[in-house]
Amino acid sequence: MTKKEFVVILIFTFIVFLAWVVSDLIRTPPSEITDQKLKKAVEPLNSSLDLTTINLLEKKEVIKTSISNTTPLPLKSTITATASANTQ
């Protein structure tokens, strides 16, 4: 490849690249948000803390319940009765 051919390919590549960038700039939609729901979704959050709910939670009384953590076990006679019924 001669120097002249290389320059022609380089210029052609540059023109294609430039046309690509210009076409992307033309086709890009405006960045302005037009949908009202989307505008509301992207607005910043309020950083103030509502202390009324926290105060209500602090005033609550703790209810102590006594729940048994043990599980009742089945009787041996029930186990043997069902086992003998299954074998017959």
PDB file of N, CA and C in Angstrom:
ATOM      1  N   MET A   1       0.849  -1.158   0.000  1.00  0.00           N
ATOM      2  CA  MET A   1       0.000   0.000   0.000  1.00  0.00           C
ATOM      3  C   MET A   1       0.908   1.238   0.000  1.00  0.00           C
ATOM      4  N   THR A   2       0.604   2.133  -0.895  1.00  0.00           N
ATOM      5  CA  THR A   2       1.414   3.339  -0.989  1.00  0.00           C
ATOM      6  C   THR A   2       0.925   4.365   0.021  1.00  0.00           C
ATOM      7  N   LYS A   3       1.710   5.409   0.140  1.00  0.00           N
ATOM      8  CA  LYS A   3       1.391   6.471   1.084  1.00  0.00           C
ATOM      9  C   LYS A   3       0.096   7.176   0.670  1.00  0.00           C
ATOM     10  N   LYS A   4      -0.111   7.340  -0.629  1.00  0.00           N
ATOM     11  CA  LYS A   4      -1.300   8.024  -1.134  1.00  0.00           C
ATOM     12  C   LYS A   4      -2.555   7.211  -0.807  1.00  0.00           C
ATOM     13  N   GLU A   5      -2.527   5.904  -0.975  1.00  0.00           N
ATOM     14  CA  GLU A   5      -3.666   5.052  -0.653  1.00  0.00           C
ATOM     15  C   GLU A   5      -3.977   5.095   0.840  1.00  0.00           C
ATOM     16  N   PHE A   6      -2.944   5.098   1.646  1.00  0.00           N
ATOM     17  CA  PHE A   6      -3.116   5.161   3.098  1.00  0.00           C
ATOM     18  C   PHE A   6      -3.803   6.467   3.511  1.00  0.00           C
ATOM     19  N   VAL A   7      -3.402   7.582   2.903  1.00  0.00           N
ATOM     20  CA  VAL A   7      -4.004   8.879   3.211  1.00  0.00           C
ATOM     21  C   VAL A   7      -5.474   8.892   2.779  1.00  0.00           C
ATOM     22  N   VAL A   8      -5.789   8.316   1.630  1.00  0.00           N
ATOM     23  CA  VAL A   8      -7.176   8.266   1.147  1.00  0.00           C
ATOM     24  C   VAL A   8      -8.028   7.447   2.117  1.00  0.00           C
ATOM     25  N   ILE A   9      -7.536   6.303   2.557  1.00  0.00           N
ATOM     26  CA  ILE A   9      -8.276   5.468   3.513  1.00  0.00           C
ATOM     27  C   ILE A   9      -8.448   6.210   4.835  1.00  0.00           C
ATOM     28  N   LEU A  10      -7.431   6.900   5.277  1.00  0.00           N
ATOM     29  CA  LEU A  10      -7.498   7.660   6.523  1.00  0.00           C
ATOM     30  C   LEU A  10      -8.537   8.782   6.427  1.00  0.00           C
ATOM     31  N   ILE A  11      -8.562   9.505   5.318  1.00  0.00           N
ATOM     32  CA  ILE A  11      -9.537  10.583   5.127  1.00  0.00           C
ATOM     33  C   ILE A  11     -10.949  10.009   5.053  1.00  0.00           C
ATOM     34  N   PHE A  12     -11.128   8.909   4.327  1.00  0.00           N
ATOM     35  CA  PHE A  12     -12.440   8.280   4.221  1.00  0.00           C
ATOM     36  C   PHE A  12     -12.934   7.807   5.596  1.00  0.00           C
ATOM     37  N   THR A  13     -12.057   7.224   6.392  1.00  0.00           N
ATOM     38  CA  THR A  13     -12.407   6.770   7.740  1.00  0.00           C
ATOM     39  C   THR A  13     -12.801   7.957   8.618  1.00  0.00           C
ATOM     40  N   PHE A  14     -12.076   9.056   8.515  1.00  0.00           N
ATOM     41  CA  PHE A  14     -12.388  10.249   9.289  1.00  0.00           C
ATOM     42  C   PHE A  14     -13.763  10.813   8.906  1.00  0.00           C
ATOM     43  N   ILE A  15     -14.075  10.825   7.611  1.00  0.00           N
ATOM     44  CA  ILE A  15     -15.370  11.341   7.146  1.00  0.00           C
ATOM     45  C   ILE A  15     -16.506  10.448   7.649  1.00  0.00           C
ATOM     46  N   VAL A  16     -16.330   9.126   7.621  1.00  0.00           N
ATOM     47  CA  VAL A  16     -17.353   8.201   8.125  1.00  0.00           C
ATOM     48  C   VAL A  16     -17.550   8.408   9.625  1.00  0.00           C
ATOM     49  N   PHE A  17     -16.451   8.547  10.354  1.00  0.00           N
ATOM     50  CA  PHE A  17     -16.536   8.771  11.795  1.00  0.00           C
ATOM     51  C   PHE A  17     -17.247  10.086  12.103  1.00  0.00           C
ATOM     52  N   LEU A  18     -16.926  11.129  11.387  1.00  0.00           N
ATOM     53  CA  LEU A  18     -17.550  12.434  11.581  1.00  0.00           C
ATOM     54  C   LEU A  18     -19.050  12.372  11.261  1.00  0.00           C
ATOM     55  N   ALA A  19     -19.426  11.670  10.181  1.00  0.00           N
ATOM     56  CA  ALA A  19     -20.837  11.522   9.830  1.00  0.00           C
ATOM     57  C   ALA A  19     -21.581  10.722  10.910  1.00  0.00           C
ATOM     58  N   TRP A  20     -20.930   9.736  11.470  1.00  0.00           N
ATOM     59  CA  TRP A  20     -21.526   8.931  12.530  1.00  0.00           C
ATOM     60  C   TRP A  20     -21.819   9.783  13.765  1.00  0.00           C
ATOM     61  N   VAL A  21     -20.864  10.581  14.181  1.00  0.00           N
ATOM     62  CA  VAL A  21     -21.035  11.442  15.350  1.00  0.00           C
ATOM     63  C   VAL A  21     -22.132  12.472  15.100  1.00  0.00           C
ATOM     64  N   VAL A  22     -22.146  13.083  13.932  1.00  0.00           N
ATOM     65  CA  VAL A  22     -23.154  14.100  13.616  1.00  0.00           C
ATOM     66  C   VAL A  22     -24.551  13.475  13.594  1.00  0.00           C
ATOM     67  N   SER A  23     -24.680  12.287  13.019  1.00  0.00           N
ATOM     68  CA  SER A  23     -25.992  11.639  12.968  1.00  0.00           C
ATOM     69  C   SER A  23     -26.472  11.265  14.370  1.00  0.00           C
ATOM     70  N   ASP A  24     -25.574  10.856  15.249  1.00  0.00           N
ATOM     71  CA  ASP A  24     -25.968  10.556  16.632  1.00  0.00           C
ATOM     72  C   ASP A  24     -26.405  11.821  17.360  1.00  0.00           C
ATOM     73  N   LEU A  25     -25.741  12.927  17.096  1.00  0.00           N
ATOM     74  CA  LEU A  25     -26.123  14.190  17.728  1.00  0.00           C
ATOM     75  C   LEU A  25     -27.480  14.668  17.234  1.00  0.00           C
ATOM     76  N   ILE A  26     -27.779  14.441  15.983  1.00  0.00           N
ATOM     77  CA  ILE A  26     -29.055  14.869  15.426  1.00  0.00           C
ATOM     78  C   ILE A  26     -30.192  13.998  15.946  1.00  0.00           C
ATOM     79  N   ARG A  27     -29.971  12.694  16.029  1.00  0.00           N
ATOM     80  CA  ARG A  27     -31.032  11.776  16.449  1.00  0.00           C
ATOM     81  C   ARG A  27     -31.246  11.731  17.954  1.00  0.00           C
ATOM     82  N   THR A  28     -30.370  12.307  18.750  1.00  0.00           N
ATOM     83  CA  THR A  28     -30.496  12.258  20.199  1.00  0.00           C
ATOM     84  C   THR A  28     -31.692  13.088  20.643  1.00  0.00           C
ATOM     85  N   PRO A  29     -32.603  12.490  21.430  1.00  0.00           N
ATOM     86  CA  PRO A  29     -33.770  13.249  21.891  1.00  0.00           C
ATOM     87  C   PRO A  29     -33.352  14.291  22.929  1.00  0.00           C
ATOM     88  N   PRO A  30     -34.154  15.316  23.097  1.00  0.00           N
ATOM     89  CA  PRO A  30     -33.812  16.327  24.100  1.00  0.00           C
ATOM     90  C   PRO A  30     -33.802  15.715  25.498  1.00  0.00           C
ATOM     91  N   SER A  31     -32.961  16.231  26.352  1.00  0.00           N
ATOM     92  CA  SER A  31     -32.823  15.657  27.689  1.00  0.00           C
ATOM     93  C   SER A  31     -33.843  16.218  28.669  1.00  0.00           C
ATOM     94  N   GLU A  32     -34.748  17.048  28.221  1.00  0.00           N
ATOM     95  CA  GLU A  32     -35.776  17.609  29.082  1.00  0.00           C
ATOM     96  C   GLU A  32     -36.834  16.549  29.369  1.00  0.00           C
ATOM     97  N   ILE A  33     -37.219  16.448  30.626  1.00  0.00           N
ATOM     98  CA  ILE A  33     -38.211  15.456  31.023  1.00  0.00           C
ATOM     99  C   ILE A  33     -39.595  16.044  30.783  1.00  0.00           C
ATOM    100  N   THR A  34     -40.406  15.359  29.971  1.00  0.00           N
ATOM    101  CA  THR A  34     -41.726  15.875  29.650  1.00  0.00           C
ATOM    102  C   THR A  34     -42.841  15.127  30.370  1.00  0.00           C
ATOM    103  N   ASP A  35     -42.598  13.919  30.831  1.00  0.00           N
ATOM    104  CA  ASP A  35     -43.618  13.134  31.517  1.00  0.00           C
ATOM    105  C   ASP A  35     -43.716  13.589  32.972  1.00  0.00           C
ATOM    106  N   GLN A  36     -44.905  13.902  33.428  1.00  0.00           N
ATOM    107  CA  GLN A  36     -45.095  14.416  34.783  1.00  0.00           C
ATOM    108  C   GLN A  36     -44.791  13.351  35.844  1.00  0.00           C
ATOM    109  N   LYS A  37     -45.153  12.090  35.572  1.00  0.00           N
ATOM    110  CA  LYS A  37     -44.858  11.023  36.527  1.00  0.00           C
ATOM    111  C   LYS A  37     -43.354  10.832  36.673  1.00  0.00           C
ATOM    112  N   LEU A  38     -42.655  10.929  35.558  1.00  0.00           N
ATOM    113  CA  LEU A  38     -41.208  10.775  35.597  1.00  0.00           C
ATOM    114  C   LEU A  38     -40.564  11.948  36.317  1.00  0.00           C
ATOM    115  N   LYS A  39     -41.088  13.144  36.129  1.00  0.00           N
ATOM    116  CA  LYS A  39     -40.557  14.304  36.842  1.00  0.00           C
ATOM    117  C   LYS A  39     -40.687  14.119  38.343  1.00  0.00           C
ATOM    118  N   LYS A  40     -41.833  13.600  38.766  1.00  0.00           N
ATOM    119  CA  LYS A  40     -42.044  13.395  40.193  1.00  0.00           C
ATOM    120  C   LYS A  40     -41.121  12.302  40.729  1.00  0.00           C
ATOM    121  N   ALA A  41     -40.856  11.295  39.922  1.00  0.00           N
ATOM    122  CA  ALA A  41     -40.019  10.185  40.364  1.00  0.00           C
ATOM    123  C   ALA A  41     -38.564  10.587  40.523  1.00  0.00           C
ATOM    124  N   VAL A  42     -38.097  11.555  39.745  1.00  0.00           N
ATOM    125  CA  VAL A  42     -36.680  11.918  39.807  1.00  0.00           C
ATOM    126  C   VAL A  42     -36.397  13.125  40.686  1.00  0.00           C
ATOM    127  N   GLU A  43     -37.435  13.718  41.274  1.00  0.00           N
ATOM    128  CA  GLU A  43     -37.153  14.853  42.150  1.00  0.00           C
ATOM    129  C   GLU A  43     -36.527  14.349  43.442  1.00  0.00           C
ATOM    130  N   PRO A  44     -35.673  15.154  44.078  1.00  0.00           N
ATOM    131  CA  PRO A  44     -34.944  14.694  45.257  1.00  0.00           C
ATOM    132  C   PRO A  44     -35.878  14.388  46.436  1.00  0.00           C
ATOM    133  N   LEU A  45     -35.448  13.459  47.275  1.00  0.00           N
ATOM    134  CA  LEU A  45     -36.225  13.076  48.438  1.00  0.00           C
ATOM    135  C   LEU A  45     -36.101  14.124  49.535  1.00  0.00           C
ATOM    136  N   ASN A  46     -37.130  14.193  50.377  1.00  0.00           N
ATOM    137  CA  ASN A  46     -37.093  15.088  51.523  1.00  0.00           C
ATOM    138  C   ASN A  46     -36.280  14.410  52.622  1.00  0.00           C
ATOM    139  N   SER A  47     -35.255  15.062  53.102  1.00  0.00           N
ATOM    140  CA  SER A  47     -34.367  14.441  54.072  1.00  0.00           C
ATOM    141  C   SER A  47     -34.779  14.720  55.514  1.00  0.00           C
ATOM    142  N   SER A  48     -35.905  15.403  55.736  1.00  0.00           N
ATOM    143  CA  SER A  48     -36.339  15.657  57.112  1.00  0.00           C
ATOM    144  C   SER A  48     -36.969  14.389  57.682  1.00  0.00           C
ATOM    145  N   LEU A  49     -36.724  14.150  58.954  1.00  0.00           N
ATOM    146  CA  LEU A  49     -37.179  12.944  59.623  1.00  0.00           C
ATOM    147  C   LEU A  49     -38.433  13.258  60.426  1.00  0.00           C
ATOM    148  N   ASP A  50     -39.485  12.479  60.203  1.00  0.00           N
ATOM    149  CA  ASP A  50     -40.727  12.671  60.938  1.00  0.00           C
ATOM    150  C   ASP A  50     -40.601  11.969  62.285  1.00  0.00           C
ATOM    151  N   LEU A  51     -40.512  12.763  63.347  1.00  0.00           N
ATOM    152  CA  LEU A  51     -40.283  12.204  64.672  1.00  0.00           C
ATOM    153  C   LEU A  51     -41.567  11.756  65.356  1.00  0.00           C
ATOM    154  N   THR A  52     -42.719  12.077  64.816  1.00  0.00           N
ATOM    155  CA  THR A  52     -43.962  11.691  65.487  1.00  0.00           C
ATOM    156  C   THR A  52     -44.120  10.181  65.540  1.00  0.00           C
ATOM    157  N   THR A  53     -43.794   9.490  64.492  1.00  0.00           N
ATOM    158  CA  THR A  53     -43.906   8.031  64.485  1.00  0.00           C
ATOM    159  C   THR A  53     -42.898   7.412  65.442  1.00  0.00           C
ATOM    160  N   ILE A  54     -41.707   7.950  65.492  1.00  0.00           N
ATOM    161  CA  ILE A  54     -40.685   7.421  66.401  1.00  0.00           C
ATOM    162  C   ILE A  54     -41.111   7.639  67.843  1.00  0.00           C
ATOM    163  N   ASN A  55     -41.680   8.801  68.140  1.00  0.00           N
ATOM    164  CA  ASN A  55     -42.154   9.066  69.502  1.00  0.00           C
ATOM    165  C   ASN A  55     -43.287   8.135  69.890  1.00  0.00           C
ATOM    166  N   LEU A  56     -44.187   7.850  68.964  1.00  0.00           N
ATOM    167  CA  LEU A  56     -45.270   6.911  69.251  1.00  0.00           C
ATOM    168  C   LEU A  56     -44.729   5.506  69.536  1.00  0.00           C
ATOM    169  N   LEU A  57     -43.723   5.112  68.803  1.00  0.00           N
ATOM    170  CA  LEU A  57     -43.133   3.795  69.028  1.00  0.00           C
ATOM    171  C   LEU A  57     -42.425   3.717  70.372  1.00  0.00           C
ATOM    172  N   GLU A  58     -41.803   4.804  70.792  1.00  0.00           N
ATOM    173  CA  GLU A  58     -41.121   4.813  72.086  1.00  0.00           C
ATOM    174  C   GLU A  58     -42.111   4.756  73.239  1.00  0.00           C
ATOM    175  N   LYS A  59     -43.312   5.288  73.065  1.00  0.00           N
ATOM    176  CA  LYS A  59     -44.313   5.301  74.127  1.00  0.00           C
ATOM    177  C   LYS A  59     -45.027   3.961  74.270  1.00  0.00           C
ATOM    178  N   LYS A  60     -44.916   3.102  73.294  1.00  0.00           N
ATOM    179  CA  LYS A  60     -45.598   1.813  73.346  1.00  0.00           C
ATOM    180  C   LYS A  60     -45.038   0.961  74.479  1.00  0.00           C
ATOM    181  N   GLU A  61     -45.935   0.188  75.103  1.00  0.00           N
ATOM    182  CA  GLU A  61     -45.512  -0.721  76.155  1.00  0.00           C
ATOM    183  C   GLU A  61     -45.193  -2.077  75.542  1.00  0.00           C
ATOM    184  N   VAL A  62     -44.223  -2.736  76.116  1.00  0.00           N
ATOM    185  CA  VAL A  62     -43.866  -4.066  75.657  1.00  0.00           C
ATOM    186  C   VAL A  62     -44.767  -5.062  76.369  1.00  0.00           C
ATOM    187  N   ILE A  63     -45.446  -5.875  75.608  1.00  0.00           N
ATOM    188  CA  ILE A  63     -46.336  -6.884  76.172  1.00  0.00           C
ATOM    189  C   ILE A  63     -45.538  -8.169  76.325  1.00  0.00           C
ATOM    190  N   LYS A  64     -45.451  -8.626  77.565  1.00  0.00           N
ATOM    191  CA  LYS A  64     -44.712  -9.851  77.832  1.00  0.00           C
ATOM    192  C   LYS A  64     -45.686 -11.010  77.800  1.00  0.00           C
ATOM    193  N   THR A  65     -45.423 -11.958  76.964  1.00  0.00           N
ATOM    194  CA  THR A  65     -46.252 -13.148  76.888  1.00  0.00           C
ATOM    195  C   THR A  65     -45.400 -14.356  77.202  1.00  0.00           C
ATOM    196  N   SER A  66     -46.031 -15.328  77.792  1.00  0.00           N
ATOM    197  CA  SER A  66     -45.299 -16.558  78.089  1.00  0.00           C
ATOM    198  C   SER A  66     -45.799 -17.635  77.138  1.00  0.00           C
ATOM    199  N   ILE A  67     -45.076 -17.841  76.099  1.00  0.00           N
ATOM    200  CA  ILE A  67     -45.420 -18.863  75.122  1.00  0.00           C
ATOM    201  C   ILE A  67     -44.467 -20.024  75.315  1.00  0.00           C
ATOM    202  N   SER A  68     -45.018 -21.182  75.395  1.00  0.00           N
ATOM    203  CA  SER A  68     -44.200 -22.368  75.579  1.00  0.00           C
ATOM    204  C   SER A  68     -43.462 -22.679  74.282  1.00  0.00           C
ATOM    205  N   ASN A  69     -42.178 -22.912  74.407  1.00  0.00           N
ATOM    206  CA  ASN A  69     -41.368 -23.228  73.236  1.00  0.00           C
ATOM    207  C   ASN A  69     -41.279 -24.725  72.999  1.00  0.00           C
ATOM    208  N   THR A  70     -41.907 -25.516  73.851  1.00  0.00           N
ATOM    209  CA  THR A  70     -41.826 -26.960  73.676  1.00  0.00           C
ATOM    210  C   THR A  70     -42.966 -27.443  72.794  1.00  0.00           C
ATOM    211  N   THR A  71     -42.694 -28.417  72.012  1.00  0.00           N
ATOM    212  CA  THR A  71     -43.683 -29.016  71.135  1.00  0.00           C
ATOM    213  C   THR A  71     -44.120 -30.336  71.750  1.00  0.00           C
ATOM    214  N   PRO A  72     -45.417 -30.571  71.875  1.00  0.00           N
ATOM    215  CA  PRO A  72     -45.844 -31.846  72.472  1.00  0.00           C
ATOM    216  C   PRO A  72     -45.469 -33.020  71.567  1.00  0.00           C
ATOM    217  N   LEU A  73     -45.019 -34.095  72.197  1.00  0.00           N
ATOM    218  CA  LEU A  73     -44.622 -35.283  71.462  1.00  0.00           C
ATOM    219  C   LEU A  73     -45.803 -36.240  71.350  1.00  0.00           C
ATOM    220  N   PRO A  74     -45.922 -36.973  70.257  1.00  0.00           N
ATOM    221  CA  PRO A  74     -47.024 -37.930  70.139  1.00  0.00           C
ATOM    222  C   PRO A  74     -46.826 -39.109  71.084  1.00  0.00           C
ATOM    223  N   LEU A  75     -47.912 -39.704  71.467  1.00  0.00           N
ATOM    224  CA  LEU A  75     -47.847 -40.864  72.354  1.00  0.00           C
ATOM    225  C   LEU A  75     -47.323 -42.075  71.597  1.00  0.00           C
ATOM    226  N   LYS A  76     -46.642 -42.963  72.331  1.00  0.00           N
ATOM    227  CA  LYS A  76     -46.085 -44.158  71.696  1.00  0.00           C
ATOM    228  C   LYS A  76     -47.184 -45.067  71.175  1.00  0.00           C
ATOM    229  N   SER A  77     -48.301 -45.125  71.873  1.00  0.00           N
ATOM    230  CA  SER A  77     -49.377 -46.014  71.445  1.00  0.00           C
ATOM    231  C   SER A  77     -49.948 -45.567  70.097  1.00  0.00           C
ATOM    232  N   THR A  78     -49.951 -44.266  69.830  1.00  0.00           N
ATOM    233  CA  THR A  78     -50.448 -43.768  68.551  1.00  0.00           C
ATOM    234  C   THR A  78     -49.511 -44.170  67.418  1.00  0.00           C
ATOM    235  N   ILE A  79     -48.218 -44.100  67.700  1.00  0.00           N
ATOM    236  CA  ILE A  79     -47.221 -44.437  66.671  1.00  0.00           C
ATOM    237  C   ILE A  79     -47.318 -45.922  66.346  1.00  0.00           C
ATOM    238  N   THR A  80     -47.414 -46.764  67.392  1.00  0.00           N
ATOM    239  CA  THR A  80     -47.457 -48.208  67.141  1.00  0.00           C
ATOM    240  C   THR A  80     -48.767 -48.605  66.494  1.00  0.00           C
ATOM    241  N   ALA A  81     -49.855 -47.921  66.836  1.00  0.00           N
ATOM    242  CA  ALA A  81     -51.156 -48.257  66.255  1.00  0.00           C
ATOM    243  C   ALA A  81     -51.166 -47.930  64.765  1.00  0.00           C
ATOM    244  N   THR A  82     -50.617 -46.791  64.382  1.00  0.00           N
ATOM    245  CA  THR A  82     -50.610 -46.431  62.967  1.00  0.00           C
ATOM    246  C   THR A  82     -49.624 -47.296  62.205  1.00  0.00           C
ATOM    247  N   ALA A  83     -48.539 -47.677  62.842  1.00  0.00           N
ATOM    248  CA  ALA A  83     -47.566 -48.524  62.172  1.00  0.00           C
ATOM    249  C   ALA A  83     -48.140 -49.921  61.928  1.00  0.00           C
ATOM    250  N   SER A  84     -48.863 -50.431  62.919  1.00  0.00           N
ATOM    251  CA  SER A  84     -49.450 -51.770  62.737  1.00  0.00           C
ATOM    252  C   SER A  84     -50.596 -51.720  61.730  1.00  0.00           C
ATOM    253  N   ALA A  85     -51.313 -50.606  61.652  1.00  0.00           N
ATOM    254  CA  ALA A  85     -52.405 -50.482  60.684  1.00  0.00           C
ATOM    255  C   ALA A  85     -51.851 -50.411  59.262  1.00  0.00           C
ATOM    256  N   ASN A  86     -50.699 -49.797  59.084  1.00  0.00           N
ATOM    257  CA  ASN A  86     -50.084 -49.693  57.766  1.00  0.00           C
ATOM    258  C   ASN A  86     -49.537 -51.021  57.278  1.00  0.00           C
ATOM    259  N   THR A  87     -49.131 -51.879  58.184  1.00  0.00           N
ATOM    260  CA  THR A  87     -48.544 -53.149  57.768  1.00  0.00           C
ATOM    261  C   THR A  87     -49.594 -54.164  57.407  1.00  0.00           C
ATOM    262  N   GLN A  88     -50.818 -53.980  57.820  1.00  0.00           N
ATOM    263  CA  GLN A  88     -51.876 -54.971  57.534  1.00  0.00           C
ATOM    264  C   GLN A  88     -52.447 -54.803  56.195  1.00  0.00           C
TER     265      GLN A  88
END
